[in-house]
Amino acid sequence: MLEKLDLSKKMEKEIYRSEMEKLIPRLGKLQRKCKDLNIPVMIAFEGYGAAGKGVQISKLIQALDPRGFQVYAVKGETEEEKMHPFLWRFWTKLPPKGRIAIYDTSWYRRVLIDRFDKKIKKSELFDAYEAIRSFEKQLTDDGMVIIKIFLAIDKKEQKKRFDKLLSSKDTAWRVSEGDRKRNEKFEKYEAMNEEMLSRTDSENAPWHIVEAVDRRFATVKIYSIAAETLERQIEAVEKKSEHSRDRAEEEKEPKDNGKEEMKLTESILAKADLSLSYTKEEYEKKLKKLQKRIEELHGELYRKRIPVVLAFEGWDAGGKGGAIKRLTAKMDPRGYVVHPTASPNAVERQYHYLWRFWRSMPKAGHIAVFDRTWYGRVMVERIEGFCTEEEWRRAYKEINDMERNLTKEGVLILKFWMQIDKDEQERRFRQRQENPEKQWKITDEDWRNREKWDQYETAVNEMLVRTSTAEAPWIVVEGNDKYYARIKVLETVVKAIEERMETGGGKA
């Protein structure tokens, strides 16, 4: 692919000026249109050292309103970034709806520079490619535009540019030792780039290779690629909007997402033995022992740099809060965070629904506890119509991909479903209403959700079947007896951490 490029392409100054006089206002207009339509855009610049990424980014932003974009220079990982999965720093740098993010090198650093420098093992390469493809598809399926630009020059041109930069003390700093090594072994690095381009070129996020020896030619081509890509997306969004309006007028009644027949052979929830219980004496004895063990293991997690995610879902009044309280009671508060998940706020709604959870993922050696999670997408958002059927059906794979990516990076994930029956829930609701100190825990919405118990049960069963994996399993906790439920959670966490300790640590 790269070796067959015609790098001799040039553009005369007069033609360049003529083209740019049309392209600059065109791109500025498209930026404004994307803002109006809430279309987020990511533009990733990759290519060889000294190919002109910085120059071309500077040229590109001349057409843009500076209030609507942000440029990220992606260098080696910071100490904080090293403590997280590699995609964490890009999830935290996504543009909100209507804005543009431009990356001077990107998430592809993992499979290019890091690979060349042997910072990533060959065995990790497949997982890195898989994570990147999943990352891009999740975003583009949600409406993100991803424009990937690869600037190509040959070995001779690169050496010439390096020599020019090195000839002046004002520019010599721009040529690193790594740049020189990659020039010396240009053919080897070129093969890595070839592999990267072929393995990550997709319909939803294609690569655009730009012949970059002549900078005027490259600038015009980049502008043209950006303009044409944004025009196609704007047209698609407008057509989709028209289709949605027409469809809404045709449909007299909304589809009930909770009552549809689910083709599953059995109910996972129905198998839970809710008669399981402990006496108070049994509970207190086990609790003391398990909390002491959790305290010990928490320190070991930190020393071995193992990140842990504990996700809690369940019926309203199912006992999530009580279980979390007992779980964290003896933990070092500097080493864990409990994230209570409410409906997304105005800022969070400007991003992919997984964005807010990626931002809260624990760094190596720490624990993140989620009181409700990303699974709201396939439960409350599904039942209440807060997302489309296409979106919640797509979410099963998106969630599985995210959790797979996290576990491949060394994160221990445990997901708890706190199961109670309908009668027990009603008893707890009424108990809360009658206790002045607990009345804040019960709302009208809780009673309304009870009316949709059967719909939620259908959704939960499907969620458990589709998203329980060996790496990130669901644990159904029999919760009619609070003592039993709390002990099961603690025992499960202790066992899982002990097993992880035996198999190895987290991020180095």
Protein backbone atom coordinates (compact mmCIF):
# COMPACT_ATOMS: atom_id res chain seq x y z
CA MET A 1 0.00 0.00 0.00
CA LEU A 2 2.53 2.60 1.15
CA GLU A 3 5.37 1.55 -1.14
CA LYS A 4 3.15 2.03 -4.20
CA LEU A 5 2.26 5.63 -3.39
CA ASP A 6 3.21 8.33 -5.87
CA LEU A 7 5.02 10.73 -3.54
CA SER A 8 6.05 13.03 -6.39
CA LYS A 9 2.64 14.71 -6.49
CA LYS A 10 2.90 18.50 -6.33
CA MET A 11 0.65 21.52 -6.50
CA GLU A 12 1.56 24.90 -7.88
CA LYS A 13 1.13 27.91 -5.65
CA GLU A 14 -1.58 29.51 -7.83
CA ILE A 15 -3.70 26.35 -7.88
CA TYR A 16 -3.21 25.94 -4.13
CA ARG A 17 -4.44 29.48 -3.45
CA SER A 18 -7.42 28.99 -5.71
CA GLU A 19 -8.41 25.73 -4.03
CA MET A 20 -7.96 27.07 -0.50
CA GLU A 21 -10.11 30.12 -1.23
CA LYS A 22 -12.98 27.65 -1.72
CA LEU A 23 -12.07 25.07 0.89
CA ILE A 24 -11.54 27.35 3.92
CA PRO A 25 -15.05 28.87 3.96
CA ARG A 26 -16.53 25.48 3.03
CA LEU A 27 -14.97 23.78 6.03
CA GLY A 28 -15.91 26.63 8.36
CA LYS A 29 -19.52 26.34 7.25
CA LEU A 30 -19.47 22.58 7.81
CA GLN A 31 -18.12 23.06 11.34
CA ARG A 32 -21.06 25.33 12.14
CA LYS A 33 -23.48 22.81 10.65
CA CYS A 34 -22.00 20.01 12.76
CA LYS A 35 -22.46 22.19 15.83
CA ASP A 36 -26.12 22.81 14.94
CA LEU A 37 -26.74 19.08 14.41
CA ASN A 38 -24.78 18.00 17.50
CA ILE A 39 -22.30 15.95 15.45
CA PRO A 40 -19.04 15.23 17.30
CA VAL A 41 -15.87 14.89 15.20
CA MET A 42 -12.49 13.28 15.84
CA ILE A 43 -9.61 13.91 13.42
CA ALA A 44 -6.57 11.71 14.02
CA PHE A 45 -3.25 12.53 12.37
CA GLU A 46 -0.76 9.70 12.02
CA GLY A 47 2.25 9.21 9.76
CA TYR A 48 6.01 9.24 9.73
CA GLY A 49 8.12 11.61 11.82
CA ALA A 50 8.65 14.98 10.08
CA ALA A 51 5.80 14.21 7.67
CA GLY A 52 4.17 17.48 8.72
CA LYS A 53 1.47 16.56 11.22
CA GLY A 54 1.95 19.78 13.20
CA VAL A 55 2.07 21.92 10.05
CA GLN A 56 -1.07 20.34 8.61
CA ILE A 57 -3.00 20.66 11.87
CA SER A 58 -2.05 24.35 11.98
CA LYS A 59 -3.29 24.75 8.40
CA LEU A 60 -6.52 22.87 9.10
CA ILE A 61 -7.58 24.89 12.12
CA GLN A 62 -7.29 28.15 10.17
CA ALA A 63 -10.73 27.36 8.78
CA LEU A 64 -12.27 26.55 12.16
CA ASP A 65 -13.84 28.60 14.93
CA PRO A 66 -11.38 28.15 17.85
CA ARG A 67 -14.29 27.94 20.27
CA GLY A 68 -15.37 24.68 18.65
CA PHE A 69 -12.27 22.51 18.64
CA GLN A 70 -9.42 21.26 20.80
CA VAL A 71 -6.03 19.86 19.75
CA TYR A 72 -4.35 17.06 21.71
CA ALA A 73 -0.64 16.30 21.27
CA VAL A 74 -0.37 12.63 22.14
CA LYS A 75 3.07 11.79 23.45
CA GLY A 76 4.27 9.05 25.79
CA GLU A 77 1.95 8.13 28.64
CA THR A 78 2.05 10.15 31.84
CA GLU A 79 2.46 8.30 35.14
CA GLU A 80 -1.29 8.65 35.70
CA GLU A 81 -2.10 7.28 32.26
CA LYS A 82 0.21 4.30 32.76
CA MET A 83 -1.97 3.32 35.71
CA HIS A 84 -5.03 2.90 33.47
CA PRO A 85 -5.94 0.86 30.36
CA PHE A 86 -4.39 2.60 27.34
CA LEU A 87 -7.73 3.68 25.86
CA TRP A 88 -8.70 5.45 29.09
CA ARG A 89 -6.80 8.59 28.11
CA PHE A 90 -8.66 8.76 24.80
CA TRP A 91 -12.10 8.12 26.29
CA THR A 92 -11.35 11.06 28.59
CA LYS A 93 -10.44 13.23 25.58
CA LEU A 94 -13.54 12.66 23.47
CA PRO A 95 -15.25 15.73 22.01
CA PRO A 96 -18.81 16.42 23.17
CA LYS A 97 -21.59 16.66 20.62
CA GLY A 98 -21.07 19.50 18.16
CA ARG A 99 -17.34 19.88 18.82
CA ILE A 100 -14.14 18.71 17.12
CA ALA A 101 -11.11 17.01 18.69
CA ILE A 102 -7.87 16.87 16.70
CA TYR A 103 -5.12 14.44 17.68
CA ASP A 104 -1.44 14.89 16.80
CA THR A 105 -0.80 11.14 16.85
CA SER A 106 -3.51 9.11 18.52
CA TRP A 107 -4.56 5.76 19.99
CA TYR A 108 -2.51 4.20 17.18
CA ARG A 109 0.66 5.04 19.08
CA ARG A 110 0.05 1.77 20.93
CA VAL A 111 0.55 -0.38 17.81
CA LEU A 112 3.19 1.82 16.16
CA ILE A 113 5.72 3.71 18.30
CA ASP A 114 5.11 1.60 21.41
CA ARG A 115 5.42 -1.54 19.32
CA PHE A 116 8.61 -0.35 17.63
CA ASP A 117 10.08 0.57 21.02
CA LYS A 118 9.05 -2.87 22.36
CA LYS A 119 6.85 -1.35 25.06
CA ILE A 120 4.08 -3.71 24.00
CA LYS A 121 4.53 -7.45 23.77
CA LYS A 122 3.68 -9.36 20.61
CA SER A 123 1.09 -11.29 22.60
CA GLU A 124 -0.62 -7.97 23.48
CA LEU A 125 -0.76 -6.72 19.90
CA PHE A 126 -3.89 -8.65 18.91
CA ASP A 127 -5.76 -7.34 21.96
CA ALA A 128 -4.65 -3.78 21.17
CA TYR A 129 -5.99 -3.98 17.62
CA GLU A 130 -9.22 -5.52 18.85
CA ALA A 131 -9.64 -2.76 21.44
CA ILE A 132 -9.00 -0.02 18.85
CA ARG A 133 -11.49 -1.42 16.35
CA SER A 134 -14.11 -1.76 19.08
CA PHE A 135 -13.40 1.78 20.35
CA GLU A 136 -13.93 3.30 16.91
CA LYS A 137 -17.05 1.28 16.14
CA GLN A 138 -18.71 2.12 19.44
CA LEU A 139 -18.15 5.82 18.80
CA THR A 140 -19.18 5.87 15.14
CA ASP A 141 -22.29 3.78 15.85
CA ASP A 142 -23.23 6.50 18.32
CA GLY A 143 -22.84 9.28 15.73
CA MET A 144 -19.17 10.23 16.06
CA VAL A 145 -17.31 11.15 12.88
CA ILE A 146 -13.77 9.74 12.87
CA ILE A 147 -11.41 11.03 10.19
CA LYS A 148 -8.06 9.23 10.14
CA ILE A 149 -5.26 10.91 8.18
CA PHE A 150 -1.95 9.16 7.45
CA LEU A 151 0.83 11.43 6.18
CA ALA A 152 3.28 9.54 4.00
CA ILE A 153 6.83 10.45 3.01
CA ASP A 154 9.75 8.19 2.07
CA LYS A 155 12.96 7.47 3.95
CA LYS A 156 15.05 9.88 1.91
CA GLU A 157 12.64 12.79 2.39
CA GLN A 158 12.38 12.07 6.10
CA LYS A 159 16.18 12.07 6.50
CA LYS A 160 16.39 15.36 4.62
CA ARG A 161 13.81 16.98 6.92
CA PHE A 162 15.49 15.63 10.03
CA ASP A 163 18.85 17.02 8.90
CA LYS A 164 17.29 20.42 8.31
CA LEU A 165 15.71 20.45 11.76
CA LEU A 166 18.92 19.31 13.40
CA SER A 167 20.95 22.05 11.69
CA SER A 168 19.39 24.68 13.95
CA LYS A 169 19.44 24.70 17.74
CA ASP A 170 15.95 26.24 17.64
CA THR A 171 14.47 23.18 15.91
CA ALA A 172 16.82 20.33 16.81
CA TRP A 173 14.70 19.41 19.84
CA ARG A 174 11.94 18.31 17.48
CA VAL A 175 13.97 15.29 16.36
CA SER A 176 14.06 12.62 19.06
CA GLU A 177 16.34 9.65 19.38
CA GLY A 178 13.31 7.52 18.55
CA ASP A 179 12.78 9.46 15.32
CA ARG A 180 16.34 8.71 14.26
CA LYS A 181 16.03 5.02 15.05
CA ARG A 182 12.82 4.73 13.07
CA ASN A 183 14.51 6.43 10.12
CA GLU A 184 17.46 4.05 10.33
CA LYS A 185 15.04 1.11 10.36
CA PHE A 186 12.52 2.75 8.05
CA GLU A 187 11.56 -0.46 6.24
CA LYS A 188 10.79 -2.23 9.51
CA TYR A 189 8.66 0.66 10.76
CA GLU A 190 6.97 0.96 7.36
CA ALA A 191 5.90 -2.69 7.63
CA MET A 192 4.33 -1.96 11.02
CA ASN A 193 2.42 0.95 9.51
CA GLU A 194 1.28 -1.21 6.60
CA GLU A 195 -0.07 -3.78 9.03
CA MET A 196 -1.78 -1.11 11.10
CA LEU A 197 -3.48 0.44 8.06
CA SER A 198 -4.76 -2.87 6.74
CA ARG A 199 -5.99 -4.14 10.12
CA THR A 200 -7.84 -0.97 11.12
CA ASP A 201 -9.22 0.33 7.83
CA SER A 202 -12.99 0.00 8.15
CA GLU A 203 -16.15 1.30 6.57
CA ASN A 204 -17.07 3.26 9.68
CA ALA A 205 -13.55 4.73 10.19
CA PRO A 206 -11.50 4.44 6.99
CA TRP A 207 -7.90 5.53 6.58
CA HIS A 208 -7.04 8.40 4.23
CA ILE A 209 -3.44 8.25 3.03
CA VAL A 210 -2.03 11.64 2.08
CA GLU A 211 1.09 12.05 -0.03
CA ALA A 212 2.93 14.59 2.13
CA VAL A 213 6.19 15.39 0.34
CA ASP A 214 4.61 18.49 -1.18
CA ARG A 215 2.91 20.36 1.64
CA ARG A 216 0.56 22.36 -0.53
CA PHE A 217 -0.75 19.18 -2.15
CA ALA A 218 -1.16 17.56 1.28
CA THR A 219 -3.06 20.54 2.72
CA VAL A 220 -5.58 20.64 -0.10
CA LYS A 221 -6.11 16.88 0.08
CA ILE A 222 -6.65 16.97 3.85
CA TYR A 223 -9.15 19.83 3.55
CA SER A 224 -10.99 17.96 0.80
CA ILE A 225 -11.13 14.74 2.83
CA ALA A 226 -12.45 16.56 5.90
CA ALA A 227 -15.05 18.51 3.92
CA GLU A 228 -16.34 15.51 1.98
CA THR A 229 -16.54 13.34 5.10
CA LEU A 230 -18.47 15.95 7.07
CA GLU A 231 -20.83 16.60 4.17
CA ARG A 232 -21.70 12.89 3.97
CA GLN A 233 -22.33 12.71 7.70
CA ILE A 234 -24.47 15.85 7.72
CA GLU A 235 -26.55 14.49 4.86
CA ALA A 236 -26.97 11.15 6.67
CA VAL A 237 -28.02 12.86 9.92
CA GLU A 238 -30.56 15.07 8.15
CA LYS A 239 -32.03 12.10 6.29
CA LYS A 240 -32.24 10.12 9.50
CA SER A 241 -33.97 13.01 11.21
CA GLU A 242 -36.57 13.22 8.44
CA HIS A 243 -37.11 9.47 8.54
CA SER A 244 -37.55 9.57 12.33
CA ARG A 245 -40.20 12.30 12.06
CA ASP A 246 -42.08 10.39 9.39
CA ARG A 247 -41.92 7.20 11.41
CA ALA A 248 -43.12 8.95 14.58
CA GLU A 249 -46.20 10.20 12.74
CA GLU A 250 -46.96 6.74 11.40
CA GLU A 251 -46.66 5.00 14.77
CA LYS A 252 -49.71 5.65 16.91
CA GLU A 253 -48.39 3.76 19.91
CA PRO A 254 -44.76 3.29 20.97
CA LYS A 255 -43.35 -0.21 21.04
CA ASP A 256 -43.26 -1.75 24.51
CA ASN A 257 -39.64 -2.76 24.85
CA GLY A 258 -40.25 -4.73 27.98
CA LYS A 259 -43.11 -6.98 26.90
CA GLU A 260 -41.57 -8.41 23.77
CA GLU A 261 -41.03 -12.15 23.75
CA MET A 262 -37.46 -13.07 24.62
CA LYS A 263 -36.06 -16.24 23.10
CA LEU A 264 -34.31 -17.57 26.18
CA THR A 265 -34.72 -21.10 27.45
CA GLU A 266 -34.92 -20.24 31.14
CA SER A 267 -35.11 -17.44 33.67
CA ILE A 268 -31.85 -16.87 35.52
CA LEU A 269 -33.64 -14.95 38.27
CA ALA A 270 -36.21 -17.70 38.86
CA LYS A 271 -33.42 -20.07 39.87
CA ALA A 272 -32.37 -17.93 42.84
CA ASP A 273 -33.19 -19.58 46.19
CA LEU A 274 -34.53 -16.65 48.17
CA SER A 275 -35.05 -18.75 51.29
CA LEU A 276 -31.31 -18.72 52.04
CA SER A 277 -30.55 -16.91 55.29
CA TYR A 278 -28.23 -16.52 58.27
CA THR A 279 -29.03 -15.90 61.91
CA LYS A 280 -27.75 -12.66 63.39
CA GLU A 281 -25.07 -14.57 65.29
CA GLU A 282 -23.87 -16.38 62.13
CA TYR A 283 -23.89 -13.10 60.23
CA GLU A 284 -21.84 -11.14 62.77
CA LYS A 285 -19.26 -13.89 63.10
CA LYS A 286 -18.77 -14.23 59.34
CA LEU A 287 -18.87 -10.47 58.80
CA LYS A 288 -16.04 -9.77 61.24
CA LYS A 289 -13.81 -12.42 59.68
CA LEU A 290 -14.51 -11.38 56.07
CA GLN A 291 -14.04 -7.66 56.70
CA LYS A 292 -10.69 -8.40 58.31
CA ARG A 293 -9.68 -10.37 55.22
CA ILE A 294 -10.86 -7.60 52.89
CA GLU A 295 -8.72 -5.14 54.82
CA GLU A 296 -5.65 -7.35 54.27
CA LEU A 297 -6.39 -7.98 50.60
CA HIS A 298 -6.91 -4.29 49.90
CA GLY A 299 -3.30 -3.63 50.83
CA GLU A 300 -2.15 -6.53 48.65
CA LEU A 301 -4.12 -5.17 45.71
CA TYR A 302 -2.25 -1.90 45.99
CA ARG A 303 1.15 -3.54 46.26
CA LYS A 304 0.49 -5.77 43.25
CA ARG A 305 -1.14 -2.94 41.27
CA ILE A 306 -4.35 -4.82 40.58
CA PRO A 307 -7.33 -2.58 39.67
CA VAL A 308 -10.78 -3.83 40.71
CA VAL A 309 -14.27 -2.94 39.50
CA LEU A 310 -17.24 -4.00 41.62
CA ALA A 311 -20.56 -3.32 39.90
CA PHE A 312 -23.87 -3.46 41.75
CA GLU A 313 -27.28 -3.68 40.13
CA GLY A 314 -30.56 -4.95 41.51
CA TRP A 315 -34.16 -4.19 42.30
CA ASP A 316 -35.04 -1.00 44.12
CA ALA A 317 -34.56 -1.74 47.85
CA GLY A 318 -32.58 -4.83 46.84
CA GLY A 319 -29.79 -4.15 49.32
CA LYS A 320 -27.08 -2.60 47.17
CA GLY A 321 -26.29 0.16 49.63
CA GLY A 322 -26.12 -2.14 52.63
CA ALA A 323 -23.83 -4.57 50.83
CA ILE A 324 -21.51 -1.78 49.68
CA LYS A 325 -21.37 -0.30 53.17
CA ARG A 326 -20.26 -3.61 54.71
CA LEU A 327 -17.86 -4.30 51.86
CA THR A 328 -16.00 -1.00 52.23
CA ALA A 329 -16.19 -0.67 56.01
CA LYS A 330 -12.61 -1.78 56.66
CA MET A 331 -11.02 -0.67 53.38
CA ASP A 332 -8.49 2.16 53.27
CA PRO A 333 -10.61 5.11 52.04
CA ARG A 334 -7.63 6.38 50.00
CA GLY A 335 -7.79 3.28 47.84
CA TYR A 336 -11.41 3.06 46.75
CA VAL A 337 -14.20 5.22 45.40
CA VAL A 338 -17.93 4.50 45.42
CA HIS A 339 -19.68 5.93 42.37
CA PRO A 340 -23.47 6.34 42.78
CA THR A 341 -24.93 6.40 39.27
CA ALA A 342 -27.92 8.61 38.62
CA SER A 343 -29.52 9.63 35.33
CA PRO A 344 -26.95 11.29 33.06
CA ASN A 345 -26.74 15.05 33.55
CA ALA A 346 -26.65 17.67 30.79
CA VAL A 347 -22.89 17.37 30.33
CA GLU A 348 -22.88 13.56 30.31
CA ARG A 349 -25.61 13.46 27.67
CA GLN A 350 -23.22 15.19 25.27
CA TYR A 351 -21.07 12.04 25.10
CA HIS A 352 -21.29 8.34 24.39
CA TYR A 353 -23.12 6.68 27.31
CA LEU A 354 -19.98 4.75 28.32
CA TRP A 355 -17.88 7.93 28.58
CA ARG A 356 -18.82 8.74 32.16
CA PHE A 357 -17.99 5.21 33.29
CA TRP A 358 -14.64 5.09 31.51
CA ARG A 359 -13.68 8.31 33.31
CA SER A 360 -14.35 6.61 36.66
CA MET A 361 -12.45 3.39 36.02
CA PRO A 362 -9.87 2.74 38.77
CA LYS A 363 -6.15 3.12 38.30
CA ALA A 364 -3.85 0.22 39.10
CA GLY A 365 -4.10 -0.89 42.73
CA HIS A 366 -7.41 0.88 43.40
CA ILE A 367 -11.04 -0.23 43.66
CA ALA A 368 -14.04 1.38 41.96
CA VAL A 369 -17.46 0.45 43.32
CA PHE A 370 -20.42 1.35 41.11
CA ASP A 371 -23.85 1.66 42.75
CA ARG A 372 -25.74 1.15 39.49
CA THR A 373 -23.80 1.01 36.28
CA TRP A 374 -23.54 1.12 32.49
CA TYR A 375 -26.21 -1.61 32.48
CA GLY A 376 -28.84 1.07 32.85
CA ARG A 377 -28.68 1.20 29.05
CA VAL A 378 -30.30 -2.24 28.74
CA MET A 379 -32.66 -1.87 31.68
CA VAL A 380 -34.15 1.50 32.63
CA GLU A 381 -33.23 3.23 29.36
CA ARG A 382 -34.67 0.30 27.43
CA ILE A 383 -37.91 0.06 29.41
CA GLU A 384 -38.52 3.79 29.75
CA GLY A 385 -37.70 4.56 26.11
CA PHE A 386 -34.70 6.79 26.89
CA CYS A 387 -32.77 5.18 24.02
CA THR A 388 -33.82 3.54 20.78
CA GLU A 389 -34.23 -0.20 20.33
CA GLU A 390 -31.23 -0.17 18.00
CA GLU A 391 -29.15 1.50 20.72
CA TRP A 392 -29.99 -0.86 23.58
CA ARG A 393 -29.63 -3.96 21.41
CA ARG A 394 -26.21 -2.72 20.28
CA ALA A 395 -25.22 -2.07 23.89
CA TYR A 396 -24.78 -5.74 24.79
CA LYS A 397 -21.78 -6.04 22.49
CA GLU A 398 -20.47 -2.59 23.40
CA ILE A 399 -20.53 -3.47 27.09
CA ASN A 400 -18.97 -6.88 26.54
CA ASP A 401 -16.23 -5.25 24.46
CA MET A 402 -15.54 -2.64 27.14
CA GLU A 403 -15.34 -5.24 29.90
CA ARG A 404 -13.14 -7.50 27.76
CA ASN A 405 -10.80 -4.60 27.10
CA LEU A 406 -10.59 -3.83 30.82
CA THR A 407 -9.94 -7.43 31.83
CA LYS A 408 -7.26 -7.82 29.14
CA GLU A 409 -5.54 -4.83 30.78
CA GLY A 410 -5.56 -6.57 34.15
CA VAL A 411 -8.78 -5.24 35.72
CA LEU A 412 -10.70 -7.63 37.98
CA ILE A 413 -14.45 -7.17 37.35
CA LEU A 414 -17.26 -8.59 39.48
CA LYS A 415 -20.92 -7.76 38.77
CA PHE A 416 -23.59 -8.33 41.40
CA TRP A 417 -27.34 -8.55 40.80
CA MET A 418 -29.16 -8.13 44.13
CA GLN A 419 -32.24 -10.33 43.79
CA ILE A 420 -35.37 -10.06 45.95
CA ASP A 421 -38.97 -11.01 45.22
CA LYS A 422 -41.84 -8.62 44.68
CA ASP A 423 -43.37 -9.18 48.13
CA GLU A 424 -40.07 -8.48 49.88
CA GLN A 425 -39.65 -5.28 47.89
CA GLU A 426 -43.11 -4.07 48.93
CA ARG A 427 -42.35 -4.87 52.58
CA ARG A 428 -39.13 -2.83 52.41
CA PHE A 429 -40.85 0.05 50.63
CA ARG A 430 -43.50 0.30 53.34
CA GLN A 431 -40.87 -0.02 56.06
CA ARG A 432 -39.04 2.94 54.56
CA GLN A 433 -42.21 5.01 54.35
CA GLU A 434 -42.98 4.40 58.00
CA ASN A 435 -39.45 5.23 59.23
CA PRO A 436 -38.76 9.01 59.24
CA GLU A 437 -35.01 8.35 58.99
CA LYS A 438 -35.45 6.26 55.85
CA GLN A 439 -38.23 8.08 54.03
CA TRP A 440 -35.67 9.77 51.79
CA LYS A 441 -34.91 6.35 50.30
CA ILE A 442 -38.39 5.90 48.82
CA THR A 443 -39.83 7.96 45.96
CA ASP A 444 -42.89 7.95 43.75
CA GLU A 445 -40.67 6.70 40.96
CA ASP A 446 -39.88 3.56 42.98
CA TRP A 447 -43.59 2.74 43.16
CA ARG A 448 -44.03 3.44 39.42
CA ASN A 449 -41.14 1.12 38.59
CA ARG A 450 -42.84 -1.64 40.62
CA GLU A 451 -45.73 -1.55 38.17
CA LYS A 452 -43.28 -2.59 35.44
CA TRP A 453 -41.78 -5.45 37.42
CA ASP A 454 -42.45 -8.07 34.70
CA GLN A 455 -40.91 -5.88 31.98
CA TYR A 456 -37.81 -5.27 34.07
CA GLU A 457 -37.55 -8.98 34.91
CA THR A 458 -37.54 -9.80 31.19
CA ALA A 459 -34.85 -7.19 30.52
CA VAL A 460 -32.71 -8.31 33.46
CA ASN A 461 -32.81 -11.97 32.44
CA GLU A 462 -31.70 -11.06 28.93
CA MET A 463 -28.95 -8.84 30.31
CA LEU A 464 -27.63 -11.64 32.54
CA VAL A 465 -27.56 -14.13 29.69
CA ARG A 466 -25.97 -11.82 27.14
CA THR A 467 -23.32 -10.16 29.32
CA SER A 468 -22.10 -12.73 31.85
CA THR A 469 -18.66 -13.90 30.79
CA ALA A 470 -15.84 -15.89 32.37
CA GLU A 471 -13.79 -12.68 32.63
CA ALA A 472 -16.62 -10.47 33.95
CA PRO A 473 -19.29 -12.73 35.47
CA TRP A 474 -22.65 -11.84 36.89
CA ILE A 475 -23.23 -13.07 40.43
CA VAL A 476 -26.90 -13.31 41.38
CA VAL A 477 -27.14 -12.57 45.10
CA GLU A 478 -30.13 -14.08 46.90
CA GLY A 479 -31.21 -11.02 48.83
CA ASN A 480 -34.48 -11.57 50.67
CA ASP A 481 -32.33 -12.03 53.77
CA LYS A 482 -29.98 -9.06 54.04
CA TYR A 483 -27.54 -10.94 56.23
CA TYR A 484 -27.13 -13.70 53.66
CA ALA A 485 -26.78 -11.22 50.78
CA ARG A 486 -24.05 -9.17 52.45
CA ILE A 487 -22.04 -12.24 53.36
CA LYS A 488 -22.31 -13.68 49.84
CA VAL A 489 -21.00 -10.44 48.35
CA LEU A 490 -18.06 -10.34 50.77
CA GLU A 491 -17.23 -14.02 50.26
CA THR A 492 -17.35 -13.63 46.49
CA VAL A 493 -15.06 -10.61 46.50
CA VAL A 494 -12.56 -12.26 48.87
CA LYS A 495 -12.43 -15.45 46.80
CA ALA A 496 -12.02 -13.58 43.49
CA ILE A 497 -9.20 -11.38 44.83
CA GLU A 498 -7.40 -14.34 46.38
CA GLU A 499 -7.59 -16.21 43.07
CA ARG A 500 -6.22 -13.18 41.22
CA MET A 501 -3.35 -12.92 43.69
CA GLU A 502 -2.34 -16.45 42.77
CA THR A 503 -2.41 -15.83 39.00
CA GLY A 504 -0.55 -12.52 38.91
CA GLY A 505 -0.77 -8.76 39.31
CA GLY A 506 -2.13 -5.90 37.25
CA LYS A 507 -0.34 -3.15 35.35
CA ALA A 508 3.39 -2.81 35.91
